[in-house]
Amino acid sequence: MIESYSFGKMVIDGREYTADLIIYPDGRIRDSWWRVQGHRLTRNDIEDLVEENPEVIIAGTGAFGLMKPDQDLSVRLKEKGIEFIALPTEPAVRVYSKTSREKRTGACFHLTC
């Protein structure tokens, strides 16, 4: 599904994305995804992804990891039975590619900083 990632750009199934995005477990993509507080990731920012009942949510936190998940986000997702993995975007893409073949996986990716 994800063919490549470089700073500010991700290619998925031949289509180039240049803004942050969410990938739902069924493969749908929401591009031009914005968070309420910029570089902070809260449950509200991914509520529609959570409602899709993924087994895993992977957050690509940017090339330099500047998007920071709320401290309680992992705990809140675990209470719903969702594993949460947050990594800088490049390694997050690798984890997503592997995990999405094995489990019902959703992801949100910050493509720049």
PDB file of N, CA and C in Angstrom:
ATOM      1  N   MET A   1       0.824  -1.187   0.000  1.00  0.00           N
ATOM      2  CA  MET A   1       0.000   0.000   0.000  1.00  0.00           C
ATOM      3  C   MET A   1       0.875   1.260   0.000  1.00  0.00           C
ATOM      4  N   ILE A   2       1.680   1.482   1.051  1.00  0.00           N
ATOM      5  CA  ILE A   2       2.566   2.645   1.066  1.00  0.00           C
ATOM      6  C   ILE A   2       3.801   2.287   0.244  1.00  0.00           C
ATOM      7  N   GLU A   3       4.002   3.021  -0.839  1.00  0.00           N
ATOM      8  CA  GLU A   3       5.133   2.747  -1.721  1.00  0.00           C
ATOM      9  C   GLU A   3       6.393   3.470  -1.289  1.00  0.00           C
ATOM     10  N   SER A   4       6.222   4.710  -0.782  1.00  0.00           N
ATOM     11  CA  SER A   4       7.404   5.449  -0.351  1.00  0.00           C
ATOM     12  C   SER A   4       7.010   6.606   0.568  1.00  0.00           C
ATOM     13  N   TYR A   5       8.007   7.022   1.344  1.00  0.00           N
ATOM     14  CA  TYR A   5       7.868   8.206   2.189  1.00  0.00           C
ATOM     15  C   TYR A   5       9.184   8.967   2.136  1.00  0.00           C
ATOM     16  N   SER A   6       9.085  10.263   1.969  1.00  0.00           N
ATOM     17  CA  SER A   6      10.207  11.175   2.152  1.00  0.00           C
ATOM     18  C   SER A   6       9.621  12.436   2.767  1.00  0.00           C
ATOM     19  N   PHE A   7      10.466  13.273   3.318  1.00  0.00           N
ATOM     20  CA  PHE A   7      10.003  14.460   4.037  1.00  0.00           C
ATOM     21  C   PHE A   7       8.940  15.202   3.220  1.00  0.00           C
ATOM     22  N   GLY A   8       7.731  15.282   3.776  1.00  0.00           N
ATOM     23  CA  GLY A   8       6.652  16.022   3.150  1.00  0.00           C
ATOM     24  C   GLY A   8       5.903  15.296   2.047  1.00  0.00           C
ATOM     25  N   LYS A   9       6.234  14.032   1.795  1.00  0.00           N
ATOM     26  CA  LYS A   9       5.595  13.320   0.685  1.00  0.00           C
ATOM     27  C   LYS A   9       5.466  11.826   0.981  1.00  0.00           C
ATOM     28  N   MET A  10       4.284  11.291   0.697  1.00  0.00           N
ATOM     29  CA  MET A  10       4.053   9.858   0.809  1.00  0.00           C
ATOM     30  C   MET A  10       3.319   9.409  -0.459  1.00  0.00           C
ATOM     31  N   VAL A  11       3.724   8.265  -0.987  1.00  0.00           N
ATOM     32  CA  VAL A  11       3.065   7.706  -2.161  1.00  0.00           C
ATOM     33  C   VAL A  11       2.371   6.420  -1.736  1.00  0.00           C
ATOM     34  N   ILE A  12       1.059   6.381  -1.987  1.00  0.00           N
ATOM     35  CA  ILE A  12       0.235   5.225  -1.640  1.00  0.00           C
ATOM     36  C   ILE A  12      -0.537   4.813  -2.880  1.00  0.00           C
ATOM     37  N   ASP A  13      -0.352   3.577  -3.297  1.00  0.00           N
ATOM     38  CA  ASP A  13      -1.044   3.048  -4.474  1.00  0.00           C
ATOM     39  C   ASP A  13      -0.937   4.001  -5.665  1.00  0.00           C
ATOM     40  N   GLY A  14       0.250   4.544  -5.882  1.00  0.00           N
ATOM     41  CA  GLY A  14       0.507   5.397  -7.025  1.00  0.00           C
ATOM     42  C   GLY A  14       0.092   6.849  -6.873  1.00  0.00           C
ATOM     43  N   ARG A  15      -0.574   7.183  -5.789  1.00  0.00           N
ATOM     44  CA  ARG A  15      -1.020   8.561  -5.581  1.00  0.00           C
ATOM     45  C   ARG A  15      -0.093   9.254  -4.586  1.00  0.00           C
ATOM     46  N   GLU A  16       0.317  10.464  -4.917  1.00  0.00           N
ATOM     47  CA  GLU A  16       1.209  11.234  -4.060  1.00  0.00           C
ATOM     48  C   GLU A  16       0.407  12.111  -3.106  1.00  0.00           C
ATOM     49  N   TYR A  17       0.775  12.069  -1.830  1.00  0.00           N
ATOM     50  CA  TYR A  17       0.165  12.904  -0.794  1.00  0.00           C
ATOM     51  C   TYR A  17       1.240  13.828  -0.239  1.00  0.00           C
ATOM     52  N   THR A  18       0.872  15.092  -0.050  1.00  0.00           N
ATOM     53  CA  THR A  18       1.833  16.069   0.472  1.00  0.00           C
ATOM     54  C   THR A  18       1.310  16.759   1.728  1.00  0.00           C
ATOM     55  N   ALA A  19       0.266  16.193   2.320  1.00  0.00           N
ATOM     56  CA  ALA A  19      -0.275  16.704   3.583  1.00  0.00           C
ATOM     57  C   ALA A  19      -0.507  15.516   4.507  1.00  0.00           C
ATOM     58  N   ASP A  20      -0.543  15.786   5.797  1.00  0.00           N
ATOM     59  CA  ASP A  20      -0.760  14.735   6.789  1.00  0.00           C
ATOM     60  C   ASP A  20      -2.016  13.944   6.438  1.00  0.00           C
ATOM     61  N   LEU A  21      -2.017  12.670   6.822  1.00  0.00           N
ATOM     62  CA  LEU A  21      -3.127  11.818   6.427  1.00  0.00           C
ATOM     63  C   LEU A  21      -3.416  10.727   7.442  1.00  0.00           C
ATOM     64  N   ILE A  22      -4.615  10.151   7.287  1.00  0.00           N
ATOM     65  CA  ILE A  22      -5.044   9.001   8.079  1.00  0.00           C
ATOM     66  C   ILE A  22      -5.345   7.866   7.104  1.00  0.00           C
ATOM     67  N   ILE A  23      -4.905   6.667   7.448  1.00  0.00           N
ATOM     68  CA  ILE A  23      -5.260   5.470   6.683  1.00  0.00           C
ATOM     69  C   ILE A  23      -6.146   4.617   7.586  1.00  0.00           C
ATOM     70  N   TYR A  24      -7.346   4.332   7.108  1.00  0.00           N
ATOM     71  CA  TYR A  24      -8.306   3.533   7.872  1.00  0.00           C
ATOM     72  C   TYR A  24      -8.045   2.047   7.628  1.00  0.00           C
ATOM     73  N   PRO A  25      -8.508   1.178   8.518  1.00  0.00           N
ATOM     74  CA  PRO A  25      -8.263  -0.256   8.364  1.00  0.00           C
ATOM     75  C   PRO A  25      -8.765  -0.838   7.038  1.00  0.00           C
ATOM     76  N   ASP A  26      -9.784  -0.232   6.443  1.00  0.00           N
ATOM     77  CA  ASP A  26     -10.301  -0.740   5.165  1.00  0.00           C
ATOM     78  C   ASP A  26      -9.548  -0.158   3.968  1.00  0.00           C
ATOM     79  N   GLY A  27      -8.508   0.647   4.215  1.00  0.00           N
ATOM     80  CA  GLY A  27      -7.695   1.197   3.142  1.00  0.00           C
ATOM     81  C   GLY A  27      -8.078   2.596   2.692  1.00  0.00           C
ATOM     82  N   ARG A  28      -9.214   3.101   3.159  1.00  0.00           N
ATOM     83  CA  ARG A  28      -9.579   4.478   2.815  1.00  0.00           C
ATOM     84  C   ARG A  28      -8.524   5.437   3.360  1.00  0.00           C
ATOM     85  N   ILE A  29      -8.374   6.548   2.673  1.00  0.00           N
ATOM     86  CA  ILE A  29      -7.392   7.553   3.089  1.00  0.00           C
ATOM     87  C   ILE A  29      -8.083   8.899   3.252  1.00  0.00           C
ATOM     88  N   ARG A  30      -7.804   9.532   4.367  1.00  0.00           N
ATOM     89  CA  ARG A  30      -8.261  10.911   4.598  1.00  0.00           C
ATOM     90  C   ARG A  30      -7.027  11.793   4.510  1.00  0.00           C
ATOM     91  N   ASP A  31      -6.958  12.590   3.452  1.00  0.00           N
ATOM     92  CA  ASP A  31      -5.786  13.444   3.316  1.00  0.00           C
ATOM     93  C   ASP A  31      -6.082  14.847   3.852  1.00  0.00           C
ATOM     94  N   SER A  32      -5.065  15.636   3.925  1.00  0.00           N
ATOM     95  CA  SER A  32      -5.149  16.985   4.506  1.00  0.00           C
ATOM     96  C   SER A  32      -5.717  16.947   5.929  1.00  0.00           C
ATOM     97  N   TRP A  33      -5.245  15.971   6.702  1.00  0.00           N
ATOM     98  CA  TRP A  33      -5.672  15.794   8.092  1.00  0.00           C
ATOM     99  C   TRP A  33      -4.978  16.829   8.969  1.00  0.00           C
ATOM    100  N   TRP A  34      -5.760  17.509   9.788  1.00  0.00           N
ATOM    101  CA  TRP A  34      -5.233  18.510  10.711  1.00  0.00           C
ATOM    102  C   TRP A  34      -5.600  18.157  12.143  1.00  0.00           C
ATOM    103  N   ARG A  35      -4.694  18.423  13.031  1.00  0.00           N
ATOM    104  CA  ARG A  35      -4.951  18.231  14.455  1.00  0.00           C
ATOM    105  C   ARG A  35      -5.377  19.551  15.067  1.00  0.00           C
ATOM    106  N   VAL A  36      -6.139  19.469  16.128  1.00  0.00           N
ATOM    107  CA  VAL A  36      -6.640  20.676  16.780  1.00  0.00           C
ATOM    108  C   VAL A  36      -5.492  21.549  17.280  1.00  0.00           C
ATOM    109  N   GLN A  37      -4.437  20.913  17.805  1.00  0.00           N
ATOM    110  CA  GLN A  37      -3.341  21.680  18.398  1.00  0.00           C
ATOM    111  C   GLN A  37      -2.001  21.413  17.705  1.00  0.00           C
ATOM    112  N   GLY A  38      -1.980  21.448  16.399  1.00  0.00           N
ATOM    113  CA  GLY A  38      -0.731  21.366  15.647  1.00  0.00           C
ATOM    114  C   GLY A  38       0.078  20.116  15.878  1.00  0.00           C
ATOM    115  N   HIS A  39       1.140  20.231  16.653  1.00  0.00           N
ATOM    116  CA  HIS A  39       2.040  19.099  16.875  1.00  0.00           C
ATOM    117  C   HIS A  39       1.665  18.243  18.085  1.00  0.00           C
ATOM    118  N   ARG A  40       0.451  18.335  18.527  1.00  0.00           N
ATOM    119  CA  ARG A  40      -0.039  17.508  19.630  1.00  0.00           C
ATOM    120  C   ARG A  40      -1.101  16.555  19.071  1.00  0.00           C
ATOM    121  N   LEU A  41      -1.006  15.278  19.395  1.00  0.00           N
ATOM    122  CA  LEU A  41      -1.966  14.271  18.934  1.00  0.00           C
ATOM    123  C   LEU A  41      -2.852  13.859  20.108  1.00  0.00           C
ATOM    124  N   THR A  42      -4.151  14.112  19.965  1.00  0.00           N
ATOM    125  CA  THR A  42      -5.101  13.757  21.017  1.00  0.00           C
ATOM    126  C   THR A  42      -6.083  12.723  20.488  1.00  0.00           C
ATOM    127  N   ARG A  43      -6.828  12.143  21.376  1.00  0.00           N
ATOM    128  CA  ARG A  43      -7.857  11.170  20.989  1.00  0.00           C
ATOM    129  C   ARG A  43      -8.874  11.819  20.052  1.00  0.00           C
ATOM    130  N   ASN A  44      -9.219  13.065  20.292  1.00  0.00           N
ATOM    131  CA  ASN A  44     -10.177  13.752  19.424  1.00  0.00           C
ATOM    132  C   ASN A  44      -9.682  13.834  17.979  1.00  0.00           C
ATOM    133  N   ASP A  45      -8.373  13.936  17.789  1.00  0.00           N
ATOM    134  CA  ASP A  45      -7.805  14.043  16.448  1.00  0.00           C
ATOM    135  C   ASP A  45      -7.978  12.764  15.626  1.00  0.00           C
ATOM    136  N   ILE A  46      -8.111  11.638  16.316  1.00  0.00           N
ATOM    137  CA  ILE A  46      -8.220  10.357  15.608  1.00  0.00           C
ATOM    138  C   ILE A  46      -9.505   9.612  15.969  1.00  0.00           C
ATOM    139  N   GLU A  47     -10.495  10.330  16.480  1.00  0.00           N
ATOM    140  CA  GLU A  47     -11.737   9.700  16.936  1.00  0.00           C
ATOM    141  C   GLU A  47     -12.409   8.875  15.841  1.00  0.00           C
ATOM    142  N   ASP A  48     -12.456   9.401  14.615  1.00  0.00           N
ATOM    143  CA  ASP A  48     -13.098   8.640  13.542  1.00  0.00           C
ATOM    144  C   ASP A  48     -12.309   7.378  13.205  1.00  0.00           C
ATOM    145  N   LEU A  49     -10.994   7.399  13.375  1.00  0.00           N
ATOM    146  CA  LEU A  49     -10.178   6.199  13.185  1.00  0.00           C
ATOM    147  C   LEU A  49     -10.458   5.182  14.288  1.00  0.00           C
ATOM    148  N   VAL A  50     -10.548   5.644  15.523  1.00  0.00           N
ATOM    149  CA  VAL A  50     -10.850   4.768  16.661  1.00  0.00           C
ATOM    150  C   VAL A  50     -12.202   4.086  16.462  1.00  0.00           C
ATOM    151  N   GLU A  51     -13.177   4.809  15.916  1.00  0.00           N
ATOM    152  CA  GLU A  51     -14.515   4.253  15.698  1.00  0.00           C
ATOM    153  C   GLU A  51     -14.530   3.114  14.682  1.00  0.00           C
ATOM    154  N   GLU A  52     -13.460   2.975  13.898  1.00  0.00           N
ATOM    155  CA  GLU A  52     -13.366   1.889  12.920  1.00  0.00           C
ATOM    156  C   GLU A  52     -12.884   0.580  13.557  1.00  0.00           C
ATOM    157  N   ASN A  53     -12.640   0.608  14.865  1.00  0.00           N
ATOM    158  CA  ASN A  53     -12.245  -0.576  15.636  1.00  0.00           C
ATOM    159  C   ASN A  53     -11.011  -1.302  15.114  1.00  0.00           C
ATOM    160  N   PRO A  54      -9.914  -0.579  14.923  1.00  0.00           N
ATOM    161  CA  PRO A  54      -8.681  -1.268  14.528  1.00  0.00           C
ATOM    162  C   PRO A  54      -8.101  -2.036  15.707  1.00  0.00           C
ATOM    163  N   GLU A  55      -7.303  -3.033  15.414  1.00  0.00           N
ATOM    164  CA  GLU A  55      -6.556  -3.721  16.470  1.00  0.00           C
ATOM    165  C   GLU A  55      -5.338  -2.894  16.870  1.00  0.00           C
ATOM    166  N   VAL A  56      -4.803  -2.157  15.891  1.00  0.00           N
ATOM    167  CA  VAL A  56      -3.588  -1.368  16.089  1.00  0.00           C
ATOM    168  C   VAL A  56      -3.766  -0.012  15.418  1.00  0.00           C
ATOM    169  N   ILE A  57      -3.267   1.037  16.074  1.00  0.00           N
ATOM    170  CA  ILE A  57      -3.134   2.339  15.443  1.00  0.00           C
ATOM    171  C   ILE A  57      -1.661   2.722  15.509  1.00  0.00           C
ATOM    172  N   ILE A  58      -1.126   3.072  14.351  1.00  0.00           N
ATOM    173  CA  ILE A  58       0.262   3.505  14.258  1.00  0.00           C
ATOM    174  C   ILE A  58       0.274   4.997  13.949  1.00  0.00           C
ATOM    175  N   ALA A  59       1.032   5.741  14.735  1.00  0.00           N
ATOM    176  CA  ALA A  59       1.163   7.179  14.514  1.00  0.00           C
ATOM    177  C   ALA A  59       2.571   7.479  14.038  1.00  0.00           C
ATOM    178  N   GLY A  60       2.667   8.046  12.835  1.00  0.00           N
ATOM    179  CA  GLY A  60       3.942   8.548  12.339  1.00  0.00           C
ATOM    180  C   GLY A  60       4.076   9.977  12.821  1.00  0.00           C
ATOM    181  N   THR A  61       5.017  10.222  13.700  1.00  0.00           N
ATOM    182  CA  THR A  61       5.103  11.499  14.418  1.00  0.00           C
ATOM    183  C   THR A  61       5.934  12.568  13.711  1.00  0.00           C
ATOM    184  N   GLY A  62       6.254  12.353  12.449  1.00  0.00           N
ATOM    185  CA  GLY A  62       7.037  13.315  11.672  1.00  0.00           C
ATOM    186  C   GLY A  62       8.462  12.836  11.495  1.00  0.00           C
ATOM    187  N   ALA A  63       9.143  13.434  10.538  1.00  0.00           N
ATOM    188  CA  ALA A  63      10.514  13.031  10.242  1.00  0.00           C
ATOM    189  C   ALA A  63      11.420  13.144  11.463  1.00  0.00           C
ATOM    190  N   PHE A  64      11.161  14.149  12.290  1.00  0.00           N
ATOM    191  CA  PHE A  64      11.974  14.366  13.487  1.00  0.00           C
ATOM    192  C   PHE A  64      11.211  14.075  14.777  1.00  0.00           C
ATOM    193  N   GLY A  65      10.029  13.481  14.630  1.00  0.00           N
ATOM    194  CA  GLY A  65       9.237  13.098  15.795  1.00  0.00           C
ATOM    195  C   GLY A  65       8.631  14.261  16.565  1.00  0.00           C
ATOM    196  N   LEU A  66       8.327  15.364  15.898  1.00  0.00           N
ATOM    197  CA  LEU A  66       7.833  16.544  16.606  1.00  0.00           C
ATOM    198  C   LEU A  66       6.356  16.478  16.998  1.00  0.00           C
ATOM    199  N   MET A  67       5.569  15.621  16.349  1.00  0.00           N
ATOM    200  CA  MET A  67       4.170  15.466  16.759  1.00  0.00           C
ATOM    201  C   MET A  67       4.152  14.560  17.998  1.00  0.00           C
ATOM    202  N   LYS A  68       3.683  15.077  19.094  1.00  0.00           N
ATOM    203  CA  LYS A  68       3.718  14.344  20.366  1.00  0.00           C
ATOM    204  C   LYS A  68       2.324  13.855  20.750  1.00  0.00           C
ATOM    205  N   PRO A  69       2.150  12.541  20.927  1.00  0.00           N
ATOM    206  CA  PRO A  69       0.864  12.031  21.425  1.00  0.00           C
ATOM    207  C   PRO A  69       0.662  12.450  22.881  1.00  0.00           C
ATOM    208  N   ASP A  70      -0.587  12.751  23.235  1.00  0.00           N
ATOM    209  CA  ASP A  70      -0.908  12.999  24.647  1.00  0.00           C
ATOM    210  C   ASP A  70      -0.410  11.836  25.482  1.00  0.00           C
ATOM    211  N   GLN A  71       0.018  12.125  26.689  1.00  0.00           N
ATOM    212  CA  GLN A  71       0.565  11.089  27.559  1.00  0.00           C
ATOM    213  C   GLN A  71      -0.429   9.979  27.849  1.00  0.00           C
ATOM    214  N   ASP A  72      -1.715  10.295  27.919  1.00  0.00           N
ATOM    215  CA  ASP A  72      -2.704   9.279  28.259  1.00  0.00           C
ATOM    216  C   ASP A  72      -3.324   8.600  27.029  1.00  0.00           C
ATOM    217  N   LEU A  73      -2.918   8.994  25.829  1.00  0.00           N
ATOM    218  CA  LEU A  73      -3.537   8.438  24.626  1.00  0.00           C
ATOM    219  C   LEU A  73      -3.361   6.930  24.532  1.00  0.00           C
ATOM    220  N   SER A  74      -2.167   6.438  24.766  1.00  0.00           N
ATOM    221  CA  SER A  74      -1.909   4.999  24.697  1.00  0.00           C
ATOM    222  C   SER A  74      -2.773   4.234  25.695  1.00  0.00           C
ATOM    223  N   VAL A  75      -2.894   4.763  26.905  1.00  0.00           N
ATOM    224  CA  VAL A  75      -3.704   4.117  27.946  1.00  0.00           C
ATOM    225  C   VAL A  75      -5.173   4.103  27.539  1.00  0.00           C
ATOM    226  N   ARG A  76      -5.664   5.210  27.043  1.00  0.00           N
ATOM    227  CA  ARG A  76      -7.076   5.295  26.647  1.00  0.00           C
ATOM    228  C   ARG A  76      -7.386   4.347  25.495  1.00  0.00           C
ATOM    229  N   LEU A  77      -6.458   4.218  24.552  1.00  0.00           N
ATOM    230  CA  LEU A  77      -6.678   3.292  23.438  1.00  0.00           C
ATOM    231  C   LEU A  77      -6.597   1.838  23.913  1.00  0.00           C
ATOM    232  N   LYS A  78      -5.665   1.571  24.812  1.00  0.00           N
ATOM    233  CA  LYS A  78      -5.540   0.209  25.352  1.00  0.00           C
ATOM    234  C   LYS A  78      -6.827  -0.215  26.053  1.00  0.00           C
ATOM    235  N   GLU A  79      -7.477   0.710  26.742  1.00  0.00           N
ATOM    236  CA  GLU A  79      -8.746   0.408  27.409  1.00  0.00           C
ATOM    237  C   GLU A  79      -9.817  -0.018  26.398  1.00  0.00           C
ATOM    238  N   LYS A  80      -9.683   0.429  25.155  1.00  0.00           N
ATOM    239  CA  LYS A  80     -10.611   0.053  24.092  1.00  0.00           C
ATOM    240  C   LYS A  80     -10.115  -1.170  23.319  1.00  0.00           C
ATOM    241  N   GLY A  81      -8.998  -1.754  23.770  1.00  0.00           N
ATOM    242  CA  GLY A  81      -8.450  -2.938  23.112  1.00  0.00           C
ATOM    243  C   GLY A  81      -7.623  -2.625  21.881  1.00  0.00           C
ATOM    244  N   ILE A  82      -7.124  -1.391  21.782  1.00  0.00           N
ATOM    245  CA  ILE A  82      -6.349  -0.969  20.615  1.00  0.00           C
ATOM    246  C   ILE A  82      -4.889  -0.756  21.019  1.00  0.00           C
ATOM    247  N   GLU A  83      -3.994  -1.449  20.344  1.00  0.00           N
ATOM    248  CA  GLU A  83      -2.570  -1.236  20.559  1.00  0.00           C
ATOM    249  C   GLU A  83      -2.176   0.069  19.862  1.00  0.00           C
ATOM    250  N   PHE A  84      -1.338   0.881  20.503  1.00  0.00           N
ATOM    251  CA  PHE A  84      -0.916   2.163  19.940  1.00  0.00           C
ATOM    252  C   PHE A  84       0.598   2.193  19.834  1.00  0.00           C
ATOM    253  N   ILE A  85       1.075   2.509  18.631  1.00  0.00           N
ATOM    254  CA  ILE A  85       2.513   2.596  18.376  1.00  0.00           C
ATOM    255  C   ILE A  85       2.791   3.966  17.781  1.00  0.00           C
ATOM    256  N   ALA A  86       3.663   4.735  18.407  1.00  0.00           N
ATOM    257  CA  ALA A  86       4.046   6.053  17.901  1.00  0.00           C
ATOM    258  C   ALA A  86       5.548   6.067  17.652  1.00  0.00           C
ATOM    259  N   LEU A  87       5.919   6.376  16.407  1.00  0.00           N
ATOM    260  CA  LEU A  87       7.318   6.413  15.985  1.00  0.00           C
ATOM    261  C   LEU A  87       7.502   7.545  14.986  1.00  0.00           C
ATOM    262  N   PRO A  88       8.729   8.017  14.805  1.00  0.00           N
ATOM    263  CA  PRO A  88       8.946   8.937  13.690  1.00  0.00           C
ATOM    264  C   PRO A  88       8.416   8.304  12.389  1.00  0.00           C
ATOM    265  N   THR A  89       8.026   9.126  11.451  1.00  0.00           N
ATOM    266  CA  THR A  89       7.259   8.638  10.305  1.00  0.00           C
ATOM    267  C   THR A  89       7.965   7.554   9.491  1.00  0.00           C
ATOM    268  N   GLU A  90       9.242   7.681   9.225  1.00  0.00           N
ATOM    269  CA  GLU A  90       9.906   6.662   8.405  1.00  0.00           C
ATOM    270  C   GLU A  90       9.829   5.268   9.027  1.00  0.00           C
ATOM    271  N   PRO A  91      10.218   5.070  10.291  1.00  0.00           N
ATOM    272  CA  PRO A  91      10.055   3.741  10.873  1.00  0.00           C
ATOM    273  C   PRO A  91       8.587   3.357  11.053  1.00  0.00           C
ATOM    274  N   ALA A  92       7.714   4.335  11.270  1.00  0.00           N
ATOM    275  CA  ALA A  92       6.286   4.031  11.399  1.00  0.00           C
ATOM    276  C   ALA A  92       5.733   3.445  10.105  1.00  0.00           C
ATOM    277  N   VAL A  93       6.206   3.931   8.972  1.00  0.00           N
ATOM    278  CA  VAL A  93       5.781   3.378   7.676  1.00  0.00           C
ATOM    279  C   VAL A  93       6.179   1.909   7.579  1.00  0.00           C
ATOM    280  N   ARG A  94       7.394   1.586   7.998  1.00  0.00           N
ATOM    281  CA  ARG A  94       7.846   0.183   7.949  1.00  0.00           C
ATOM    282  C   ARG A  94       6.990  -0.695   8.861  1.00  0.00           C
ATOM    283  N   VAL A  95       6.710  -0.213  10.066  1.00  0.00           N
ATOM    284  CA  VAL A  95       5.886  -0.983  11.005  1.00  0.00           C
ATOM    285  C   VAL A  95       4.471  -1.131  10.450  1.00  0.00           C
ATOM    286  N   TYR A  96       3.922  -0.066   9.883  1.00  0.00           N
ATOM    287  CA  TYR A  96       2.580  -0.134   9.292  1.00  0.00           C
ATOM    288  C   TYR A  96       2.533  -1.175   8.179  1.00  0.00           C
ATOM    289  N   SER A  97       3.522  -1.169   7.308  1.00  0.00           N
ATOM    290  CA  SER A  97       3.535  -2.104   6.182  1.00  0.00           C
ATOM    291  C   SER A  97       3.510  -3.551   6.661  1.00  0.00           C
ATOM    292  N   LYS A  98       4.240  -3.851   7.705  1.00  0.00           N
ATOM    293  CA  LYS A  98       4.269  -5.210   8.254  1.00  0.00           C
ATOM    294  C   LYS A  98       2.980  -5.519   9.020  1.00  0.00           C
ATOM    295  N   THR A  99       2.600  -4.630   9.911  1.00  0.00           N
ATOM    296  CA  THR A  99       1.463  -4.872  10.795  1.00  0.00           C
ATOM    297  C   THR A  99       0.150  -4.952  10.027  1.00  0.00           C
ATOM    298  N   SER A 100      -0.010  -4.132   9.003  1.00  0.00           N
ATOM    299  CA  SER A 100      -1.277  -4.109   8.265  1.00  0.00           C
ATOM    300  C   SER A 100      -1.527  -5.403   7.500  1.00  0.00           C
ATOM    301  N   ARG A 101      -0.488  -6.197   7.286  1.00  0.00           N
ATOM    302  CA  ARG A 101      -0.670  -7.516   6.652  1.00  0.00           C
ATOM    303  C   ARG A 101      -1.158  -8.553   7.663  1.00  0.00           C
ATOM    304  N   GLU A 102      -0.950  -8.279   8.942  1.00  0.00           N
ATOM    305  CA  GLU A 102      -1.242  -9.263   9.983  1.00  0.00           C
ATOM    306  C   GLU A 102      -2.460  -8.918  10.841  1.00  0.00           C
ATOM    307  N   LYS A 103      -2.748  -7.619  10.976  1.00  0.00           N
ATOM    308  CA  LYS A 103      -3.816  -7.178  11.882  1.00  0.00           C
ATOM    309  C   LYS A 103      -4.614  -6.056  11.235  1.00  0.00           C
ATOM    310  N   ARG A 104      -5.808  -5.851  11.759  1.00  0.00           N
ATOM    311  CA  ARG A 104      -6.659  -4.734  11.319  1.00  0.00           C
ATOM    312  C   ARG A 104      -6.009  -3.455  11.844  1.00  0.00           C
ATOM    313  N   THR A 105      -5.391  -2.704  10.946  1.00  0.00           N
ATOM    314  CA  THR A 105      -4.509  -1.604  11.328  1.00  0.00           C
ATOM    315  C   THR A 105      -4.954  -0.284  10.713  1.00  0.00           C
ATOM    316  N   GLY A 106      -4.920   0.756  11.530  1.00  0.00           N
ATOM    317  CA  GLY A 106      -5.122   2.121  11.064  1.00  0.00           C
ATOM    318  C   GLY A 106      -3.877   2.918  11.372  1.00  0.00           C
ATOM    319  N   ALA A 107      -3.741   4.054  10.716  1.00  0.00           N
ATOM    320  CA  ALA A 107      -2.549   4.865  10.933  1.00  0.00           C
ATOM    321  C   ALA A 107      -2.847   6.336  10.697  1.00  0.00           C
ATOM    322  N   CYS A 108      -2.049   7.169  11.347  1.00  0.00           N
ATOM    323  CA  CYS A 108      -2.067   8.606  11.085  1.00  0.00           C
ATOM    324  C   CYS A 108      -0.618   9.033  10.925  1.00  0.00           C
ATOM    325  N   PHE A 109      -0.369   9.821   9.898  1.00  0.00           N
ATOM    326  CA  PHE A 109       1.002  10.191   9.581  1.00  0.00           C
ATOM    327  C   PHE A 109       1.179  11.704   9.454  1.00  0.00           C
ATOM    328  N   HIS A 110       2.129  12.229  10.223  1.00  0.00           N
ATOM    329  CA  HIS A 110       2.590  13.611  10.070  1.00  0.00           C
ATOM    330  C   HIS A 110       3.751  13.526   9.086  1.00  0.00           C
ATOM    331  N   LEU A 111       3.659  14.196   7.952  1.00  0.00           N
ATOM    332  CA  LEU A 111       4.620  13.990   6.879  1.00  0.00           C
ATOM    333  C   LEU A 111       5.842  14.895   6.927  1.00  0.00           C
ATOM    334  N   THR A 112       5.782  15.966   7.705  1.00  0.00           N
ATOM    335  CA  THR A 112       6.941  16.859   7.723  1.00  0.00           C
ATOM    336  C   THR A 112       7.711  16.719   9.030  1.00  0.00           C
ATOM    337  N   CYS A 113       7.871  17.782   9.754  1.00  0.00           N
ATOM    338  CA  CYS A 113       8.757  17.825  10.915  1.00  0.00           C
ATOM    339  C   CYS A 113       8.367  16.843  11.988  1.00  0.00           C
TER     340      CYS A 113
END
